[in-house]
Amino acid sequence: MFTGGTNPYNPEMPPEGNIYIKKAIDLGIPKTALSTTKRVFNTSEESKAIREILKEEDTQPKIILITSAFHMKRAKRQFEKNGFFC
């Protein structure tokens, strides 16, 4: 699952999740195995959007959080705040 993060410096660009899905399909991952969230603007919104999608599947979903090393500590904290086990 990718997030629909937007580029604040270039709002005309499609959400990042759409870009990553196209790349994943090019790499051979089936489209049916891929999804993205609605358009979001920060890490807190990303974690809430994913939680909303997964809320009916598990009360405390376990995820593999992938982001840059620079961003990982803050991202992990946001996702855990919204009920994820990272």
N, C-alpha and C. Protein backbone atom coordinates (compact mmCIF):
# COMPACT_ATOMS: atom_id res chain seq x y z
N MET A 1 0.85 -1.16 0.00
CA MET A 1 0.00 0.00 0.00
C MET A 1 0.90 1.23 0.00
N PHE A 2 0.61 2.12 -0.90
CA PHE A 2 1.32 3.39 -0.97
C PHE A 2 0.39 4.49 -0.49
N THR A 3 0.97 5.62 -0.10
CA THR A 3 0.13 6.72 0.33
C THR A 3 0.01 7.76 -0.78
N GLY A 4 -1.06 8.50 -0.71
CA GLY A 4 -1.32 9.53 -1.72
C GLY A 4 -0.67 10.86 -1.37
N GLY A 5 0.56 10.78 -0.86
CA GLY A 5 1.28 12.00 -0.49
C GLY A 5 1.45 12.93 -1.67
N THR A 6 1.31 14.20 -1.40
CA THR A 6 1.44 15.20 -2.46
C THR A 6 2.73 16.00 -2.27
N ASN A 7 3.23 16.51 -3.35
CA ASN A 7 4.44 17.31 -3.33
C ASN A 7 4.04 18.77 -3.12
N PRO A 8 4.36 19.35 -1.96
CA PRO A 8 3.92 20.72 -1.70
C PRO A 8 4.62 21.75 -2.60
N TYR A 9 5.74 21.36 -3.19
CA TYR A 9 6.48 22.28 -4.05
C TYR A 9 6.05 22.19 -5.50
N ASN A 10 5.30 21.15 -5.83
CA ASN A 10 4.83 20.96 -7.20
C ASN A 10 3.44 20.32 -7.16
N PRO A 11 2.41 21.10 -6.82
CA PRO A 11 1.07 20.54 -6.64
C PRO A 11 0.45 19.95 -7.92
N GLU A 12 1.04 20.24 -9.07
CA GLU A 12 0.52 19.67 -10.32
C GLU A 12 0.91 18.19 -10.49
N MET A 13 1.91 17.76 -9.74
CA MET A 13 2.34 16.36 -9.83
C MET A 13 1.25 15.44 -9.27
N PRO A 14 1.14 14.24 -9.82
CA PRO A 14 0.19 13.29 -9.24
C PRO A 14 0.67 12.86 -7.85
N PRO A 15 -0.21 12.33 -7.02
CA PRO A 15 0.21 11.83 -5.71
C PRO A 15 1.32 10.79 -5.85
N GLU A 16 2.23 10.76 -4.88
CA GLU A 16 3.36 9.84 -4.92
C GLU A 16 2.92 8.39 -5.07
N GLY A 17 1.83 8.03 -4.40
CA GLY A 17 1.36 6.65 -4.48
C GLY A 17 1.05 6.22 -5.90
N ASN A 18 0.48 7.11 -6.69
CA ASN A 18 0.18 6.79 -8.09
C ASN A 18 1.47 6.55 -8.88
N ILE A 19 2.48 7.36 -8.61
CA ILE A 19 3.78 7.21 -9.28
C ILE A 19 4.40 5.87 -8.91
N TYR A 20 4.37 5.53 -7.61
CA TYR A 20 4.97 4.27 -7.15
C TYR A 20 4.21 3.05 -7.66
N ILE A 21 2.91 3.15 -7.77
CA ILE A 21 2.13 2.03 -8.30
C ILE A 21 2.53 1.76 -9.76
N LYS A 22 2.66 2.80 -10.55
CA LYS A 22 3.08 2.61 -11.95
C LYS A 22 4.45 1.94 -12.02
N LYS A 23 5.37 2.36 -11.16
CA LYS A 23 6.71 1.76 -11.14
C LYS A 23 6.64 0.30 -10.70
N ALA A 24 5.84 0.00 -9.70
CA ALA A 24 5.70 -1.38 -9.22
C ALA A 24 5.13 -2.28 -10.32
N ILE A 25 4.15 -1.79 -11.06
CA ILE A 25 3.57 -2.56 -12.17
C ILE A 25 4.65 -2.81 -13.23
N ASP A 26 5.45 -1.77 -13.52
CA ASP A 26 6.56 -1.92 -14.48
C ASP A 26 7.55 -2.99 -14.01
N LEU A 27 7.68 -3.16 -12.70
CA LEU A 27 8.59 -4.17 -12.15
C LEU A 27 7.96 -5.56 -12.06
N GLY A 28 6.70 -5.67 -12.48
CA GLY A 28 6.05 -6.98 -12.53
C GLY A 28 5.12 -7.31 -11.38
N ILE A 29 4.87 -6.38 -10.49
CA ILE A 29 3.93 -6.63 -9.39
C ILE A 29 2.51 -6.47 -9.93
N PRO A 30 1.65 -7.47 -9.69
CA PRO A 30 0.29 -7.38 -10.22
C PRO A 30 -0.47 -6.17 -9.67
N LYS A 31 -1.19 -5.51 -10.52
CA LYS A 31 -1.96 -4.32 -10.13
C LYS A 31 -2.93 -4.63 -9.00
N THR A 32 -3.46 -5.84 -8.97
CA THR A 32 -4.42 -6.22 -7.94
C THR A 32 -3.78 -6.30 -6.55
N ALA A 33 -2.45 -6.37 -6.48
CA ALA A 33 -1.75 -6.44 -5.20
C ALA A 33 -1.36 -5.06 -4.68
N LEU A 34 -1.71 -4.01 -5.42
CA LEU A 34 -1.29 -2.65 -5.09
C LEU A 34 -2.48 -1.76 -4.79
N SER A 35 -2.27 -0.83 -3.87
CA SER A 35 -3.32 0.16 -3.60
C SER A 35 -2.66 1.43 -3.06
N THR A 36 -3.46 2.48 -3.01
CA THR A 36 -2.99 3.75 -2.48
C THR A 36 -4.10 4.40 -1.67
N THR A 37 -3.71 5.31 -0.81
CA THR A 37 -4.69 6.03 -0.01
C THR A 37 -5.23 7.22 -0.80
N LYS A 38 -6.15 7.90 -0.18
CA LYS A 38 -6.60 9.17 -0.75
C LYS A 38 -5.44 10.16 -0.68
N ARG A 39 -5.61 11.31 -1.27
CA ARG A 39 -4.57 12.35 -1.25
C ARG A 39 -4.35 12.82 0.20
N VAL A 40 -3.09 12.82 0.62
CA VAL A 40 -2.74 13.26 1.98
C VAL A 40 -1.59 14.26 1.89
N PHE A 41 -1.40 15.01 2.97
CA PHE A 41 -0.44 16.10 2.93
C PHE A 41 0.70 16.00 3.93
N ASN A 42 0.64 15.03 4.86
CA ASN A 42 1.74 14.86 5.82
C ASN A 42 1.70 13.45 6.40
N THR A 43 2.69 13.14 7.21
CA THR A 43 2.82 11.79 7.76
C THR A 43 1.65 11.42 8.66
N SER A 44 1.17 12.36 9.44
CA SER A 44 0.04 12.09 10.30
C SER A 44 -1.19 11.69 9.47
N GLU A 45 -1.45 12.44 8.41
CA GLU A 45 -2.58 12.10 7.53
C GLU A 45 -2.36 10.76 6.84
N GLU A 46 -1.11 10.44 6.49
CA GLU A 46 -0.82 9.15 5.87
C GLU A 46 -1.19 8.01 6.81
N SER A 47 -0.74 8.11 8.06
CA SER A 47 -1.03 7.02 9.01
C SER A 47 -2.53 6.89 9.27
N LYS A 48 -3.23 8.01 9.34
CA LYS A 48 -4.68 7.96 9.56
C LYS A 48 -5.41 7.37 8.35
N ALA A 49 -4.96 7.69 7.15
CA ALA A 49 -5.60 7.18 5.94
C ALA A 49 -5.40 5.67 5.82
N ILE A 50 -4.22 5.19 6.14
CA ILE A 50 -3.97 3.74 6.09
C ILE A 50 -4.75 3.04 7.19
N ARG A 51 -4.79 3.63 8.36
CA ARG A 51 -5.55 3.04 9.47
C ARG A 51 -7.03 2.92 9.11
N GLU A 52 -7.56 3.92 8.45
CA GLU A 52 -8.96 3.90 8.03
C GLU A 52 -9.22 2.74 7.06
N ILE A 53 -8.29 2.50 6.16
CA ILE A 53 -8.44 1.41 5.20
C ILE A 53 -8.37 0.05 5.90
N LEU A 54 -7.49 -0.06 6.87
CA LEU A 54 -7.25 -1.36 7.52
C LEU A 54 -8.07 -1.58 8.79
N LYS A 55 -8.86 -0.61 9.19
CA LYS A 55 -9.53 -0.69 10.50
C LYS A 55 -10.43 -1.91 10.66
N GLU A 56 -11.03 -2.38 9.61
CA GLU A 56 -11.94 -3.52 9.74
C GLU A 56 -11.20 -4.85 9.69
N GLU A 57 -9.95 -4.83 9.24
CA GLU A 57 -9.20 -6.07 9.10
C GLU A 57 -8.52 -6.51 10.39
N ASP A 58 -8.05 -5.57 11.20
CA ASP A 58 -7.27 -5.92 12.38
C ASP A 58 -7.32 -4.76 13.35
N THR A 59 -7.39 -5.07 14.64
CA THR A 59 -7.45 -3.99 15.62
C THR A 59 -6.08 -3.34 15.83
N GLN A 60 -5.02 -4.09 15.68
CA GLN A 60 -3.67 -3.52 15.76
C GLN A 60 -2.83 -4.13 14.64
N PRO A 61 -2.97 -3.59 13.44
CA PRO A 61 -2.27 -4.17 12.30
C PRO A 61 -0.75 -4.03 12.43
N LYS A 62 -0.05 -5.06 11.97
CA LYS A 62 1.41 -5.04 11.91
C LYS A 62 1.80 -4.64 10.50
N ILE A 63 2.68 -3.67 10.39
CA ILE A 63 3.08 -3.20 9.08
C ILE A 63 4.60 -3.15 8.98
N ILE A 64 5.08 -3.15 7.78
CA ILE A 64 6.48 -2.85 7.50
C ILE A 64 6.46 -1.43 6.95
N LEU A 65 7.01 -0.52 7.71
CA LEU A 65 7.02 0.89 7.34
C LEU A 65 8.29 1.19 6.56
N ILE A 66 8.12 1.69 5.35
CA ILE A 66 9.26 2.00 4.50
C ILE A 66 9.28 3.50 4.22
N THR A 67 10.38 4.13 4.59
CA THR A 67 10.59 5.55 4.35
C THR A 67 12.08 5.80 4.40
N SER A 68 12.48 7.04 4.26
CA SER A 68 13.90 7.37 4.33
C SER A 68 14.40 7.25 5.77
N ALA A 69 15.69 7.03 5.94
CA ALA A 69 16.29 6.94 7.27
C ALA A 69 16.05 8.25 8.04
N PHE A 70 16.16 9.36 7.36
CA PHE A 70 15.95 10.67 7.96
C PHE A 70 14.55 10.80 8.56
N HIS A 71 13.58 10.19 7.92
CA HIS A 71 12.17 10.35 8.27
C HIS A 71 11.64 9.23 9.16
N MET A 72 12.39 8.13 9.30
CA MET A 72 11.87 6.92 9.94
C MET A 72 11.42 7.13 11.39
N LYS A 73 12.20 7.78 12.22
CA LYS A 73 11.85 7.92 13.63
C LYS A 73 10.52 8.64 13.81
N ARG A 74 10.35 9.73 13.09
CA ARG A 74 9.10 10.50 13.19
C ARG A 74 7.94 9.73 12.58
N ALA A 75 8.16 9.08 11.45
CA ALA A 75 7.09 8.32 10.80
C ALA A 75 6.63 7.17 11.69
N LYS A 76 7.58 6.45 12.27
CA LYS A 76 7.25 5.33 13.15
C LYS A 76 6.40 5.81 14.32
N ARG A 77 6.78 6.93 14.90
CA ARG A 77 6.03 7.49 16.02
C ARG A 77 4.59 7.83 15.61
N GLN A 78 4.41 8.42 14.44
CA GLN A 78 3.07 8.77 13.96
C GLN A 78 2.22 7.52 13.72
N PHE A 79 2.80 6.50 13.11
CA PHE A 79 2.04 5.29 12.83
C PHE A 79 1.67 4.56 14.12
N GLU A 80 2.61 4.50 15.06
CA GLU A 80 2.30 3.85 16.34
C GLU A 80 1.22 4.62 17.09
N LYS A 81 1.24 5.93 17.00
CA LYS A 81 0.21 6.77 17.64
C LYS A 81 -1.17 6.44 17.09
N ASN A 82 -1.24 5.99 15.85
CA ASN A 82 -2.52 5.65 15.22
C ASN A 82 -2.81 4.16 15.24
N GLY A 83 -2.15 3.43 16.15
CA GLY A 83 -2.53 2.04 16.40
C GLY A 83 -1.79 0.98 15.62
N PHE A 84 -0.71 1.34 14.95
CA PHE A 84 0.06 0.35 14.20
C PHE A 84 1.20 -0.19 15.03
N PHE A 85 1.54 -1.43 14.78
CA PHE A 85 2.73 -2.04 15.36
C PHE A 85 3.75 -2.11 14.25
N CYS A 86 4.79 -1.28 14.35
CA CYS A 86 5.81 -1.20 13.29
C CYS A 86 7.04 -2.01 13.67
